Amino acid sequence: MTTITLKINEKSSLGKLFLEFVKTFVSEKKGVEIVNTPNAETLKVIEDAKKGIGVNKVKNSAELFKQLGI
């Protein structure tokens, strides 16, 4: 089995087109699988959030906007 990692800008028109092609191809052909794998930075942020690190709790939207400086 071969594993290929691609970075695709899913906001660009070419990225959207490519992803749609791959999804269509995968749905028609068995043996090809799309696996979403978060990068190390994302995994760290998820773990920190689970531990409450860097998490701000607010009571309502007004308090949230105040913390954000909006």
PDB file of N, CA and C in Angstrom:
ATOM      1  N   MET A   1       0.846  -1.171   0.000  1.00  0.00           N
ATOM      2  CA  MET A   1       0.000   0.000   0.000  1.00  0.00           C
ATOM      3  C   MET A   1       0.894   1.237   0.000  1.00  0.00           C
ATOM      4  N   THR A   2       0.494   2.247  -0.721  1.00  0.00           N
ATOM      5  CA  THR A   2       1.215   3.510  -0.776  1.00  0.00           C
ATOM      6  C   THR A   2       0.395   4.574  -0.073  1.00  0.00           C
ATOM      7  N   THR A   3       1.054   5.383   0.741  1.00  0.00           N
ATOM      8  CA  THR A   3       0.395   6.495   1.409  1.00  0.00           C
ATOM      9  C   THR A   3       0.915   7.785   0.808  1.00  0.00           C
ATOM     10  N   ILE A   4      -0.008   8.660   0.436  1.00  0.00           N
ATOM     11  CA  ILE A   4       0.348   9.955  -0.132  1.00  0.00           C
ATOM     12  C   ILE A   4      -0.278  11.032   0.735  1.00  0.00           C
ATOM     13  N   THR A   5       0.521  12.016   1.124  1.00  0.00           N
ATOM     14  CA  THR A   5       0.022  13.141   1.904  1.00  0.00           C
ATOM     15  C   THR A   5       0.015  14.371   1.012  1.00  0.00           C
ATOM     16  N   LEU A   6      -1.129  15.027   0.908  1.00  0.00           N
ATOM     17  CA  LEU A   6      -1.267  16.226   0.084  1.00  0.00           C
ATOM     18  C   LEU A   6      -1.743  17.381   0.940  1.00  0.00           C
ATOM     19  N   LYS A   7      -1.220  18.562   0.682  1.00  0.00           N
ATOM     20  CA  LYS A   7      -1.745  19.778   1.291  1.00  0.00           C
ATOM     21  C   LYS A   7      -2.545  20.481   0.207  1.00  0.00           C
ATOM     22  N   ILE A   8      -3.834  20.632   0.442  1.00  0.00           N
ATOM     23  CA  ILE A   8      -4.719  21.206  -0.564  1.00  0.00           C
ATOM     24  C   ILE A   8      -5.407  22.426   0.033  1.00  0.00           C
ATOM     25  N   ASN A   9      -5.334  23.541  -0.670  1.00  0.00           N
ATOM     26  CA  ASN A   9      -6.055  24.736  -0.246  1.00  0.00           C
ATOM     27  C   ASN A   9      -7.507  24.560  -0.665  1.00  0.00           C
ATOM     28  N   GLU A  10      -8.336  24.133   0.266  1.00  0.00           N
ATOM     29  CA  GLU A  10      -9.729  23.840  -0.060  1.00  0.00           C
ATOM     30  C   GLU A  10     -10.565  25.101  -0.266  1.00  0.00           C
ATOM     31  N   LYS A  11      -9.955  26.268  -0.112  1.00  0.00           N
ATOM     32  CA  LYS A  11     -10.656  27.524  -0.384  1.00  0.00           C
ATOM     33  C   LYS A  11     -10.453  27.975  -1.832  1.00  0.00           C
ATOM     34  N   SER A  12      -9.418  27.453  -2.500  1.00  0.00           N
ATOM     35  CA  SER A  12      -9.159  27.844  -3.889  1.00  0.00           C
ATOM     36  C   SER A  12     -10.051  27.037  -4.828  1.00  0.00           C
ATOM     37  N   SER A  13     -10.301  27.580  -6.004  1.00  0.00           N
ATOM     38  CA  SER A  13     -11.163  26.876  -6.959  1.00  0.00           C
ATOM     39  C   SER A  13     -10.512  25.570  -7.420  1.00  0.00           C
ATOM     40  N   LEU A  14      -9.204  25.585  -7.629  1.00  0.00           N
ATOM     41  CA  LEU A  14      -8.509  24.361  -8.037  1.00  0.00           C
ATOM     42  C   LEU A  14      -8.529  23.319  -6.919  1.00  0.00           C
ATOM     43  N   GLY A  15      -8.352  23.768  -5.682  1.00  0.00           N
ATOM     44  CA  GLY A  15      -8.408  22.855  -4.544  1.00  0.00           C
ATOM     45  C   GLY A  15      -9.778  22.215  -4.400  1.00  0.00           C
ATOM     46  N   LYS A  16     -10.829  23.025  -4.550  1.00  0.00           N
ATOM     47  CA  LYS A  16     -12.204  22.505  -4.469  1.00  0.00           C
ATOM     48  C   LYS A  16     -12.453  21.481  -5.569  1.00  0.00           C
ATOM     49  N   LEU A  17     -12.002  21.813  -6.780  1.00  0.00           N
ATOM     50  CA  LEU A  17     -12.188  20.919  -7.916  1.00  0.00           C
ATOM     51  C   LEU A  17     -11.462  19.593  -7.694  1.00  0.00           C
ATOM     52  N   PHE A  18     -10.228  19.668  -7.219  1.00  0.00           N
ATOM     53  CA  PHE A  18      -9.450  18.455  -6.977  1.00  0.00           C
ATOM     54  C   PHE A  18     -10.098  17.588  -5.897  1.00  0.00           C
ATOM     55  N   LEU A  19     -10.523  18.205  -4.797  1.00  0.00           N
ATOM     56  CA  LEU A  19     -11.160  17.437  -3.724  1.00  0.00           C
ATOM     57  C   LEU A  19     -12.439  16.765  -4.204  1.00  0.00           C
ATOM     58  N   GLU A  20     -13.229  17.468  -5.005  1.00  0.00           N
ATOM     59  CA  GLU A  20     -14.462  16.885  -5.531  1.00  0.00           C
ATOM     60  C   GLU A  20     -14.142  15.694  -6.431  1.00  0.00           C
ATOM     61  N   PHE A  21     -13.104  15.831  -7.254  1.00  0.00           N
ATOM     62  CA  PHE A  21     -12.672  14.723  -8.112  1.00  0.00           C
ATOM     63  C   PHE A  21     -12.285  13.510  -7.270  1.00  0.00           C
ATOM     64  N   VAL A  22     -11.468  13.741  -6.246  1.00  0.00           N
ATOM     65  CA  VAL A  22     -10.997  12.638  -5.402  1.00  0.00           C
ATOM     66  C   VAL A  22     -12.170  11.976  -4.686  1.00  0.00           C
ATOM     67  N   LYS A  23     -13.080  12.773  -4.136  1.00  0.00           N
ATOM     68  CA  LYS A  23     -14.235  12.203  -3.425  1.00  0.00           C
ATOM     69  C   LYS A  23     -15.094  11.368  -4.369  1.00  0.00           C
ATOM     70  N   THR A  24     -15.298  11.849  -5.589  1.00  0.00           N
ATOM     71  CA  THR A  24     -16.077  11.095  -6.573  1.00  0.00           C
ATOM     72  C   THR A  24     -15.363   9.797  -6.938  1.00  0.00           C
ATOM     73  N   PHE A  25     -14.064   9.881  -7.174  1.00  0.00           N
ATOM     74  CA  PHE A  25     -13.270   8.703  -7.521  1.00  0.00           C
ATOM     75  C   PHE A  25     -13.315   7.670  -6.406  1.00  0.00           C
ATOM     76  N   VAL A  26     -13.163   8.119  -5.169  1.00  0.00           N
ATOM     77  CA  VAL A  26     -13.146   7.208  -4.022  1.00  0.00           C
ATOM     78  C   VAL A  26     -14.494   6.520  -3.862  1.00  0.00           C
ATOM     79  N   SER A  27     -15.586   7.260  -4.091  1.00  0.00           N
ATOM     80  CA  SER A  27     -16.907   6.657  -3.913  1.00  0.00           C
ATOM     81  C   SER A  27     -17.175   5.585  -4.968  1.00  0.00           C
ATOM     82  N   GLU A  28     -16.548   5.719  -6.141  1.00  0.00           N
ATOM     83  CA  GLU A  28     -16.764   4.752  -7.221  1.00  0.00           C
ATOM     84  C   GLU A  28     -15.778   3.585  -7.182  1.00  0.00           C
ATOM     85  N   LYS A  29     -14.593   3.814  -6.658  1.00  0.00           N
ATOM     86  CA  LYS A  29     -13.540   2.791  -6.665  1.00  0.00           C
ATOM     87  C   LYS A  29     -13.217   2.374  -5.232  1.00  0.00           C
ATOM     88  N   LYS A  30     -13.421   1.143  -4.945  1.00  0.00           N
ATOM     89  CA  LYS A  30     -13.056   0.634  -3.626  1.00  0.00           C
ATOM     90  C   LYS A  30     -11.558   0.361  -3.631  1.00  0.00           C
ATOM     91  N   GLY A  31     -10.924   0.508  -2.505  1.00  0.00           N
ATOM     92  CA  GLY A  31      -9.489   0.298  -2.435  1.00  0.00           C
ATOM     93  C   GLY A  31      -8.724   1.597  -2.259  1.00  0.00           C
ATOM     94  N   VAL A  32      -9.441   2.719  -2.369  1.00  0.00           N
ATOM     95  CA  VAL A  32      -8.846   4.028  -2.122  1.00  0.00           C
ATOM     96  C   VAL A  32      -9.594   4.624  -0.945  1.00  0.00           C
ATOM     97  N   GLU A  33      -8.856   5.115   0.021  1.00  0.00           N
ATOM     98  CA  GLU A  33      -9.469   5.628   1.244  1.00  0.00           C
ATOM     99  C   GLU A  33      -8.906   7.011   1.554  1.00  0.00           C
ATOM    100  N   ILE A  34      -9.792   7.927   1.937  1.00  0.00           N
ATOM    101  CA  ILE A  34      -9.359   9.250   2.380  1.00  0.00           C
ATOM    102  C   ILE A  34      -9.307   9.221   3.900  1.00  0.00           C
ATOM    103  N   VAL A  35      -8.155   9.576   4.450  1.00  0.00           N
ATOM    104  CA  VAL A  35      -7.970   9.596   5.898  1.00  0.00           C
ATOM    105  C   VAL A  35      -7.570  11.009   6.297  1.00  0.00           C
ATOM    106  N   ASN A  36      -8.381  11.640   7.129  1.00  0.00           N
ATOM    107  CA  ASN A  36      -8.039  12.966   7.636  1.00  0.00           C
ATOM    108  C   ASN A  36      -7.165  12.794   8.869  1.00  0.00           C
ATOM    109  N   THR A  37      -5.963  13.343   8.820  1.00  0.00           N
ATOM    110  CA  THR A  37      -5.022  13.231   9.922  1.00  0.00           C
ATOM    111  C   THR A  37      -4.630  14.625  10.383  1.00  0.00           C
ATOM    112  N   PRO A  38      -4.989  14.989  11.611  1.00  0.00           N
ATOM    113  CA  PRO A  38      -4.597  16.315  12.096  1.00  0.00           C
ATOM    114  C   PRO A  38      -3.088  16.406  12.285  1.00  0.00           C
ATOM    115  N   ASN A  39      -2.544  17.598  12.049  1.00  0.00           N
ATOM    116  CA  ASN A  39      -1.102  17.778  12.224  1.00  0.00           C
ATOM    117  C   ASN A  39      -0.765  17.923  13.705  1.00  0.00           C
ATOM    118  N   ALA A  40       0.514  17.976  14.019  1.00  0.00           N
ATOM    119  CA  ALA A  40       0.979  18.014  15.414  1.00  0.00           C
ATOM    120  C   ALA A  40       0.443  19.232  16.157  1.00  0.00           C
ATOM    121  N   GLU A  41       0.403  20.378  15.488  1.00  0.00           N
ATOM    122  CA  GLU A  41      -0.095  21.601  16.135  1.00  0.00           C
ATOM    123  C   GLU A  41      -1.566  21.456  16.520  1.00  0.00           C
ATOM    124  N   THR A  42      -2.364  20.902  15.623  1.00  0.00           N
ATOM    125  CA  THR A  42      -3.784  20.695  15.904  1.00  0.00           C
ATOM    126  C   THR A  42      -3.970  19.724  17.060  1.00  0.00           C
ATOM    127  N   LEU A  43      -3.212  18.633  17.072  1.00  0.00           N
ATOM    128  CA  LEU A  43      -3.316  17.656  18.159  1.00  0.00           C
ATOM    129  C   LEU A  43      -2.967  18.285  19.507  1.00  0.00           C
ATOM    130  N   LYS A  44      -1.933  19.148  19.535  1.00  0.00           N
ATOM    131  CA  LYS A  44      -1.539  19.804  20.778  1.00  0.00           C
ATOM    132  C   LYS A  44      -2.643  20.738  21.267  1.00  0.00           C
ATOM    133  N   VAL A  45      -3.227  21.510  20.369  1.00  0.00           N
ATOM    134  CA  VAL A  45      -4.296  22.437  20.746  1.00  0.00           C
ATOM    135  C   VAL A  45      -5.502  21.669  21.284  1.00  0.00           C
ATOM    136  N   ILE A  46      -5.825  20.548  20.673  1.00  0.00           N
ATOM    137  CA  ILE A  46      -6.947  19.725  21.145  1.00  0.00           C
ATOM    138  C   ILE A  46      -6.666  19.213  22.556  1.00  0.00           C
ATOM    139  N   GLU A  47      -5.466  18.699  22.785  1.00  0.00           N
ATOM    140  CA  GLU A  47      -5.099  18.196  24.117  1.00  0.00           C
ATOM    141  C   GLU A  47      -5.108  19.321  25.148  1.00  0.00           C
ATOM    142  N   ASP A  48      -4.562  20.490  24.791  1.00  0.00           N
ATOM    143  CA  ASP A  48      -4.570  21.638  25.701  1.00  0.00           C
ATOM    144  C   ASP A  48      -6.001  22.032  26.058  1.00  0.00           C
ATOM    145  N   ALA A  49      -6.878  22.052  25.069  1.00  0.00           N
ATOM    146  CA  ALA A  49      -8.275  22.423  25.314  1.00  0.00           C
ATOM    147  C   ALA A  49      -8.945  21.423  26.254  1.00  0.00           C
ATOM    148  N   LYS A  50      -8.652  20.140  26.081  1.00  0.00           N
ATOM    149  CA  LYS A  50      -9.218  19.122  26.971  1.00  0.00           C
ATOM    150  C   LYS A  50      -8.755  19.316  28.410  1.00  0.00           C
ATOM    151  N   LYS A  51      -7.514  19.832  28.576  1.00  0.00           N
ATOM    152  CA  LYS A  51      -6.960  20.077  29.909  1.00  0.00           C
ATOM    153  C   LYS A  51      -7.339  21.454  30.445  1.00  0.00           C
ATOM    154  N   GLY A  52      -8.020  22.249  29.629  1.00  0.00           N
ATOM    155  CA  GLY A  52      -8.421  23.585  30.053  1.00  0.00           C
ATOM    156  C   GLY A  52      -7.344  24.637  29.869  1.00  0.00           C
ATOM    157  N   ILE A  53      -6.274  24.307  29.173  1.00  0.00           N
ATOM    158  CA  ILE A  53      -5.177  25.248  28.945  1.00  0.00           C
ATOM    159  C   ILE A  53      -5.557  26.174  27.793  1.00  0.00           C
ATOM    160  N   GLY A  54      -5.520  27.484  28.060  1.00  0.00           N
ATOM    161  CA  GLY A  54      -5.844  28.463  27.021  1.00  0.00           C
ATOM    162  C   GLY A  54      -7.325  28.594  26.741  1.00  0.00           C
ATOM    163  N   VAL A  55      -8.149  28.066  27.626  1.00  0.00           N
ATOM    164  CA  VAL A  55      -9.596  28.114  27.445  1.00  0.00           C
ATOM    165  C   VAL A  55     -10.160  29.260  28.272  1.00  0.00           C
ATOM    166  N   ASN A  56     -10.952  30.102  27.645  1.00  0.00           N
ATOM    167  CA  ASN A  56     -11.618  31.198  28.348  1.00  0.00           C
ATOM    168  C   ASN A  56     -13.097  30.884  28.446  1.00  0.00           C
ATOM    169  N   LYS A  57     -13.624  30.946  29.657  1.00  0.00           N
ATOM    170  CA  LYS A  57     -15.045  30.677  29.849  1.00  0.00           C
ATOM    171  C   LYS A  57     -15.768  31.995  30.083  1.00  0.00           C
ATOM    172  N   VAL A  58     -16.906  32.139  29.439  1.00  0.00           N
ATOM    173  CA  VAL A  58     -17.715  33.347  29.584  1.00  0.00           C
ATOM    174  C   VAL A  58     -19.151  32.948  29.884  1.00  0.00           C
ATOM    175  N   LYS A  59     -19.886  33.887  30.469  1.00  0.00           N
ATOM    176  CA  LYS A  59     -21.277  33.618  30.841  1.00  0.00           C
ATOM    177  C   LYS A  59     -22.243  33.917  29.700  1.00  0.00           C
ATOM    178  N   ASN A  60     -21.872  34.876  28.854  1.00  0.00           N
ATOM    179  CA  ASN A  60     -22.773  35.263  27.774  1.00  0.00           C
ATOM    180  C   ASN A  60     -21.979  35.911  26.640  1.00  0.00           C
ATOM    181  N   SER A  61     -22.680  36.247  25.575  1.00  0.00           N
ATOM    182  CA  SER A  61     -22.002  36.811  24.405  1.00  0.00           C
ATOM    183  C   SER A  61     -21.385  38.173  24.699  1.00  0.00           C
ATOM    184  N   ALA A  62     -22.021  38.972  25.548  1.00  0.00           N
ATOM    185  CA  ALA A  62     -21.474  40.290  25.883  1.00  0.00           C
ATOM    186  C   ALA A  62     -20.107  40.144  26.555  1.00  0.00           C
ATOM    187  N   GLU A  63     -19.995  39.182  27.450  1.00  0.00           N
ATOM    188  CA  GLU A  63     -18.720  38.932  28.126  1.00  0.00           C
ATOM    189  C   GLU A  63     -17.672  38.419  27.130  1.00  0.00           C
ATOM    190  N   LEU A  64     -18.101  37.598  26.201  1.00  0.00           N
ATOM    191  CA  LEU A  64     -17.198  37.095  25.166  1.00  0.00           C
ATOM    192  C   LEU A  64     -16.649  38.247  24.333  1.00  0.00           C
ATOM    193  N   PHE A  65     -17.542  39.115  23.871  1.00  0.00           N
ATOM    194  CA  PHE A  65     -17.111  40.247  23.053  1.00  0.00           C
ATOM    195  C   PHE A  65     -16.183  41.170  23.832  1.00  0.00           C
ATOM    196  N   LYS A  66     -16.439  41.322  25.126  1.00  0.00           N
ATOM    197  CA  LYS A  66     -15.577  42.163  25.957  1.00  0.00           C
ATOM    198  C   LYS A  66     -14.174  41.560  26.032  1.00  0.00           C
ATOM    199  N   GLN A  67     -14.090  40.244  26.242  1.00  0.00           N
ATOM    200  CA  GLN A  67     -12.785  39.573  26.298  1.00  0.00           C
ATOM    201  C   GLN A  67     -12.045  39.665  24.969  1.00  0.00           C
ATOM    202  N   LEU A  68     -12.797  39.636  23.876  1.00  0.00           N
ATOM    203  CA  LEU A  68     -12.191  39.716  22.551  1.00  0.00           C
ATOM    204  C   LEU A  68     -11.847  41.148  22.151  1.00  0.00           C
ATOM    205  N   GLY A  69     -12.320  42.110  22.939  1.00  0.00           N
ATOM    206  CA  GLY A  69     -12.054  43.512  22.637  1.00  0.00           C
ATOM    207  C   GLY A  69     -12.908  44.048  21.506  1.00  0.00           C
ATOM    208  N   ILE A  70     -14.063  43.463  21.345  1.00  0.00           N
ATOM    209  CA  ILE A  70     -14.974  43.882  20.267  1.00  0.00           C
ATOM    210  C   ILE A  70     -16.054  44.790  20.831  1.00  0.00           C
TER     211      ILE A  70
END
